[in-house]
């Protein structure tokens, strides 16, 4: 029996940037906040590109809608994007951000969990998780999330402040 090759279909999965692992290693080891900031920008650039033209176009469209404050439009775009490219971690992270901005913490956490399943070192998603837990009064969970951020990106001063504040708050309760 003659077998025909399946037609070529554009991949809707995230093509991992080969520079991401070395960038995250450099970020973790960055000796200064200034050096870390430039590496962080390169990491975000790597995360923003899927390697799929349609997915990348949807990402830009969704981000544009977010930037002008059209959260319902951004959510609709990111819904399409996660359907089109379910392995694109940043698609889930962006949708989590929109859910957060809309005050839907439950959906935001679900999308953050998906982001972290695809990219466990996503310090942005972990930061968002910490912010949600903190807003919900779940200080211990917030502290864990923020500590996880610092294991990946130790130079984030704002996160260090959150960790110190939460430690003081939790220590005060223990007394």
C-alpha atoms as a PDB file:
ATOM      1  CA  UNK A   1       0.000   0.000   0.000  1.00  0.00           C
ATOM      2  CA  UNK A   2       1.306   3.430  -0.965  1.00  0.00           C
ATOM      3  CA  UNK A   3       1.587   5.878   1.936  1.00  0.00           C
ATOM      4  CA  UNK A   4       1.419   9.558   1.167  1.00  0.00           C
ATOM      5  CA  UNK A   5       3.168  12.076   3.313  1.00  0.00           C
ATOM      6  CA  UNK A   6       0.918  14.285   5.374  1.00  0.00           C
ATOM      7  CA  UNK A   7       0.638  17.814   4.016  1.00  0.00           C
ATOM      8  CA  UNK A   8       2.982  20.320   5.597  1.00  0.00           C
ATOM      9  CA  UNK A   9       1.209  22.355   8.243  1.00  0.00           C
ATOM     10  CA  UNK A  10       2.674  25.378   9.962  1.00  0.00           C
ATOM     11  CA  UNK A  11       3.607  24.482  13.501  1.00  0.00           C
ATOM     12  CA  UNK A  12       1.560  26.196  16.167  1.00  0.00           C
ATOM     13  CA  UNK A  13       3.987  25.301  18.926  1.00  0.00           C
ATOM     14  CA  UNK A  14       6.552  27.554  20.487  1.00  0.00           C
ATOM     15  CA  UNK A  15       9.982  27.090  18.977  1.00  0.00           C
ATOM     16  CA  UNK A  16      12.295  27.420  21.974  1.00  0.00           C
ATOM     17  CA  UNK A  17      14.907  30.083  21.409  1.00  0.00           C
ATOM     18  CA  UNK A  18      18.314  28.362  21.697  1.00  0.00           C
ATOM     19  CA  UNK A  19      19.652  31.485  23.426  1.00  0.00           C
ATOM     20  CA  UNK A  20      17.105  31.296  26.255  1.00  0.00           C
ATOM     21  CA  UNK A  21      18.979  28.851  28.502  1.00  0.00           C
ATOM     22  CA  UNK A  22      22.262  30.793  28.359  1.00  0.00           C
ATOM     23  CA  UNK A  23      20.382  34.075  28.869  1.00  0.00           C
ATOM     24  CA  UNK A  24      18.634  32.752  31.975  1.00  0.00           C
ATOM     25  CA  UNK A  25      21.957  31.411  33.283  1.00  0.00           C
ATOM     26  CA  UNK A  26      23.523  34.849  32.759  1.00  0.00           C
ATOM     27  CA  UNK A  27      20.511  36.528  34.399  1.00  0.00           C
ATOM     28  CA  UNK A  28      20.884  34.374  37.495  1.00  0.00           C
ATOM     29  CA  UNK A  29      24.594  35.214  37.711  1.00  0.00           C
ATOM     30  CA  UNK A  30      24.357  38.927  36.819  1.00  0.00           C
ATOM     31  CA  UNK A  31      26.387  40.839  39.405  1.00  0.00           C
ATOM     32  CA  UNK A  32      24.521  44.145  39.077  1.00  0.00           C
ATOM     33  CA  UNK A  33      20.999  45.372  38.566  1.00  0.00           C
ATOM     34  CA  UNK A  34      22.067  47.226  35.417  1.00  0.00           C
ATOM     35  CA  UNK A  35      23.571  44.133  33.813  1.00  0.00           C
ATOM     36  CA  UNK A  36      20.554  42.054  34.825  1.00  0.00           C
ATOM     37  CA  UNK A  37      18.174  44.587  33.251  1.00  0.00           C
ATOM     38  CA  UNK A  38      19.751  44.257  29.801  1.00  0.00           C
ATOM     39  CA  UNK A  39      19.721  40.455  30.046  1.00  0.00           C
ATOM     40  CA  UNK A  40      16.115  40.543  31.273  1.00  0.00           C
ATOM     41  CA  UNK A  41      15.124  42.509  28.159  1.00  0.00           C
ATOM     42  CA  UNK A  42      16.744  39.854  25.963  1.00  0.00           C
ATOM     43  CA  UNK A  43      14.852  37.118  27.851  1.00  0.00           C
ATOM     44  CA  UNK A  44      11.546  38.938  27.309  1.00  0.00           C
ATOM     45  CA  UNK A  45      12.353  39.265  23.603  1.00  0.00           C
ATOM     46  CA  UNK A  46      12.994  35.525  23.400  1.00  0.00           C
ATOM     47  CA  UNK A  47       9.732  34.773  25.194  1.00  0.00           C
ATOM     48  CA  UNK A  48       7.718  37.084  22.924  1.00  0.00           C
ATOM     49  CA  UNK A  49       8.579  35.198  19.733  1.00  0.00           C
ATOM     50  CA  UNK A  50       7.081  31.808  19.019  1.00  0.00           C
ATOM     51  CA  UNK A  51       8.618  31.044  15.648  1.00  0.00           C
ATOM     52  CA  UNK A  52       5.104  30.884  14.155  1.00  0.00           C
ATOM     53  CA  UNK A  53       4.117  33.859  12.009  1.00  0.00           C
ATOM     54  CA  UNK A  54       0.416  33.776  12.918  1.00  0.00           C
ATOM     55  CA  UNK A  55       1.124  33.348  16.621  1.00  0.00           C
ATOM     56  CA  UNK A  56       3.614  36.214  16.600  1.00  0.00           C
ATOM     57  CA  UNK A  57       1.102  38.433  14.766  1.00  0.00           C
ATOM     58  CA  UNK A  58      -1.572  37.615  17.333  1.00  0.00           C
ATOM     59  CA  UNK A  59       0.886  38.369  20.132  1.00  0.00           C
ATOM     60  CA  UNK A  60       1.581  41.828  18.710  1.00  0.00           C
ATOM     61  CA  UNK A  61      -2.130  42.481  18.228  1.00  0.00           C
ATOM     62  CA  UNK A  62      -2.934  41.435  21.809  1.00  0.00           C
ATOM     63  CA  UNK A  63      -0.106  43.491  23.286  1.00  0.00           C
ATOM     64  CA  UNK A  64      -1.240  46.515  21.274  1.00  0.00           C
ATOM     65  CA  UNK A  65      -4.771  46.134  22.620  1.00  0.00           C
ATOM     66  CA  UNK A  66      -3.368  45.935  26.164  1.00  0.00           C
ATOM     67  CA  UNK A  67      -1.255  49.048  25.651  1.00  0.00           C
ATOM     68  CA  UNK A  68      -4.297  51.133  24.685  1.00  0.00           C
ATOM     69  CA  UNK A  69      -6.319  49.682  27.565  1.00  0.00           C
ATOM     70  CA  UNK A  70      -8.707  47.622  25.457  1.00  0.00           C
ATOM     71  CA  UNK A  71      -8.645  44.608  27.762  1.00  0.00           C
ATOM     72  CA  UNK A  72     -11.699  42.830  26.270  1.00  0.00           C
ATOM     73  CA  UNK A  73     -10.086  42.950  22.809  1.00  0.00           C
ATOM     74  CA  UNK A  74      -6.745  41.810  24.245  1.00  0.00           C
ATOM     75  CA  UNK A  75      -8.446  38.905  25.996  1.00  0.00           C
ATOM     76  CA  UNK A  76     -10.176  37.842  22.769  1.00  0.00           C
ATOM     77  CA  UNK A  77      -6.858  37.910  20.908  1.00  0.00           C
ATOM     78  CA  UNK A  78      -5.031  35.949  23.601  1.00  0.00           C
ATOM     79  CA  UNK A  79      -7.875  33.414  23.686  1.00  0.00           C
ATOM     80  CA  UNK A  80      -7.285  32.866  19.955  1.00  0.00           C
ATOM     81  CA  UNK A  81      -3.540  32.747  20.502  1.00  0.00           C
ATOM     82  CA  UNK A  82      -3.579  30.043  23.185  1.00  0.00           C
ATOM     83  CA  UNK A  83      -5.940  27.995  20.987  1.00  0.00           C
ATOM     84  CA  UNK A  84      -3.619  28.418  17.999  1.00  0.00           C
ATOM     85  CA  UNK A  85      -0.351  27.888  19.884  1.00  0.00           C
ATOM     86  CA  UNK A  86      -1.043  25.997  23.125  1.00  0.00           C
ATOM     87  CA  UNK A  87       2.682  25.416  23.763  1.00  0.00           C
ATOM     88  CA  UNK A  88       3.564  29.131  23.564  1.00  0.00           C
ATOM     89  CA  UNK A  89       4.210  30.002  27.219  1.00  0.00           C
ATOM     90  CA  UNK A  90       4.132  33.755  26.727  1.00  0.00           C
ATOM     91  CA  UNK A  91       0.658  33.538  25.176  1.00  0.00           C
ATOM     92  CA  UNK A  92      -0.611  32.059  28.438  1.00  0.00           C
ATOM     93  CA  UNK A  93       1.318  34.624  30.465  1.00  0.00           C
ATOM     94  CA  UNK A  94      -0.152  37.535  28.532  1.00  0.00           C
ATOM     95  CA  UNK A  95      -3.655  36.147  28.922  1.00  0.00           C
ATOM     96  CA  UNK A  96      -2.964  35.709  32.652  1.00  0.00           C
ATOM     97  CA  UNK A  97      -1.983  39.369  32.803  1.00  0.00           C
ATOM     98  CA  UNK A  98      -5.231  40.439  31.151  1.00  0.00           C
ATOM     99  CA  UNK A  99      -7.256  38.282  33.539  1.00  0.00           C
ATOM    100  CA  UNK A 100      -5.343  39.873  36.429  1.00  0.00           C
ATOM    101  CA  UNK A 101      -6.044  43.383  35.144  1.00  0.00           C
ATOM    102  CA  UNK A 102      -9.725  42.476  34.825  1.00  0.00           C
ATOM    103  CA  UNK A 103      -9.719  41.289  38.444  1.00  0.00           C
ATOM    104  CA  UNK A 104     -10.264  37.634  37.541  1.00  0.00           C
ATOM    105  CA  UNK A 105      -7.589  36.156  39.782  1.00  0.00           C
ATOM    106  CA  UNK A 106      -8.825  32.582  39.473  1.00  0.00           C
ATOM    107  CA  UNK A 107      -8.407  32.534  35.691  1.00  0.00           C
ATOM    108  CA  UNK A 108      -5.146  34.433  35.965  1.00  0.00           C
ATOM    109  CA  UNK A 109      -3.731  31.796  38.321  1.00  0.00           C
ATOM    110  CA  UNK A 110      -4.867  29.006  35.975  1.00  0.00           C
ATOM    111  CA  UNK A 111      -3.066  30.657  33.060  1.00  0.00           C
ATOM    112  CA  UNK A 112       0.022  31.300  35.197  1.00  0.00           C
ATOM    113  CA  UNK A 113       0.093  27.615  36.106  1.00  0.00           C
ATOM    114  CA  UNK A 114      -0.012  26.733  32.390  1.00  0.00           C
ATOM    115  CA  UNK A 115       2.765  29.264  31.702  1.00  0.00           C
ATOM    116  CA  UNK A 116       4.932  27.708  34.408  1.00  0.00           C
ATOM    117  CA  UNK A 117       4.244  24.190  33.169  1.00  0.00           C
ATOM    118  CA  UNK A 118       5.647  25.272  29.795  1.00  0.00           C
ATOM    119  CA  UNK A 119       8.409  27.546  31.163  1.00  0.00           C
ATOM    120  CA  UNK A 120       9.167  26.950  34.853  1.00  0.00           C
ATOM    121  CA  UNK A 121      11.702  29.804  34.879  1.00  0.00           C
ATOM    122  CA  UNK A 122       9.162  32.450  33.837  1.00  0.00           C
ATOM    123  CA  UNK A 123       9.946  35.051  36.465  1.00  0.00           C
ATOM    124  CA  UNK A 124       7.186  37.322  35.145  1.00  0.00           C
ATOM    125  CA  UNK A 125       4.533  34.662  35.697  1.00  0.00           C
ATOM    126  CA  UNK A 126       5.922  33.884  39.146  1.00  0.00           C
ATOM    127  CA  UNK A 127       5.868  37.597  40.007  1.00  0.00           C
ATOM    128  CA  UNK A 128       2.236  37.782  38.934  1.00  0.00           C
ATOM    129  CA  UNK A 129       1.431  34.748  41.038  1.00  0.00           C
ATOM    130  CA  UNK A 130       3.040  36.390  44.052  1.00  0.00           C
ATOM    131  CA  UNK A 131       1.069  39.588  43.491  1.00  0.00           C
ATOM    132  CA  UNK A 132      -2.217  37.669  43.265  1.00  0.00           C
ATOM    133  CA  UNK A 133      -1.527  35.666  46.406  1.00  0.00           C
ATOM    134  CA  UNK A 134      -0.509  38.828  48.231  1.00  0.00           C
ATOM    135  CA  UNK A 135      -3.711  40.595  47.128  1.00  0.00           C
ATOM    136  CA  UNK A 136      -5.728  37.618  48.360  1.00  0.00           C
ATOM    137  CA  UNK A 137      -4.024  37.693  51.766  1.00  0.00           C
ATOM    138  CA  UNK A 138      -2.160  34.434  51.132  1.00  0.00           C
ATOM    139  CA  UNK A 139       1.172  35.760  52.376  1.00  0.00           C
ATOM    140  CA  UNK A 140       2.967  32.413  52.678  1.00  0.00           C
ATOM    141  CA  UNK A 141       2.084  31.471  49.087  1.00  0.00           C
ATOM    142  CA  UNK A 142       3.075  34.962  47.915  1.00  0.00           C
ATOM    143  CA  UNK A 143       6.410  34.654  49.710  1.00  0.00           C
ATOM    144  CA  UNK A 144       7.106  31.286  48.055  1.00  0.00           C
ATOM    145  CA  UNK A 145       6.323  32.705  44.606  1.00  0.00           C
ATOM    146  CA  UNK A 146       8.517  35.769  45.136  1.00  0.00           C
ATOM    147  CA  UNK A 147      11.363  33.637  46.486  1.00  0.00           C
ATOM    148  CA  UNK A 148      11.110  31.493  43.345  1.00  0.00           C
ATOM    149  CA  UNK A 149      11.443  34.682  41.264  1.00  0.00           C
ATOM    150  CA  UNK A 150      14.654  35.598  43.075  1.00  0.00           C
ATOM    151  CA  UNK A 151      16.162  32.162  42.437  1.00  0.00           C
ATOM    152  CA  UNK A 152      15.829  32.929  38.714  1.00  0.00           C
ATOM    153  CA  UNK A 153      16.346  36.709  38.707  1.00  0.00           C
ATOM    154  CA  UNK A 154      18.137  37.721  41.935  1.00  0.00           C
ATOM    155  CA  UNK A 155      18.555  41.376  40.935  1.00  0.00           C
ATOM    156  CA  UNK A 156      14.856  42.312  41.001  1.00  0.00           C
ATOM    157  CA  UNK A 157      14.878  44.948  43.748  1.00  0.00           C
ATOM    158  CA  UNK A 158      11.073  45.267  43.899  1.00  0.00           C
ATOM    159  CA  UNK A 159      10.694  41.544  44.461  1.00  0.00           C
ATOM    160  CA  UNK A 160      13.365  41.604  47.167  1.00  0.00           C
ATOM    161  CA  UNK A 161      11.323  44.325  48.897  1.00  0.00           C
ATOM    162  CA  UNK A 162       8.192  42.157  48.692  1.00  0.00           C
ATOM    163  CA  UNK A 163      10.090  39.215  50.189  1.00  0.00           C
ATOM    164  CA  UNK A 164      11.430  41.317  53.073  1.00  0.00           C
ATOM    165  CA  UNK A 165       8.009  42.824  53.759  1.00  0.00           C
ATOM    166  CA  UNK A 166       6.273  39.455  53.716  1.00  0.00           C
ATOM    167  CA  UNK A 167       8.924  37.890  55.965  1.00  0.00           C
ATOM    168  CA  UNK A 168       8.436  40.690  58.499  1.00  0.00           C
ATOM    169  CA  UNK A 169       4.672  40.357  58.325  1.00  0.00           C
ATOM    170  CA  UNK A 170       4.792  36.574  58.772  1.00  0.00           C
ATOM    171  CA  UNK A 171       7.368  36.815  61.566  1.00  0.00           C
ATOM    172  CA  UNK A 172       5.137  39.307  63.371  1.00  0.00           C
ATOM    173  CA  UNK A 173       2.286  36.813  63.302  1.00  0.00           C
ATOM    174  CA  UNK A 174       4.478  34.066  64.745  1.00  0.00           C
ATOM    175  CA  UNK A 175       5.270  36.115  67.838  1.00  0.00           C
END
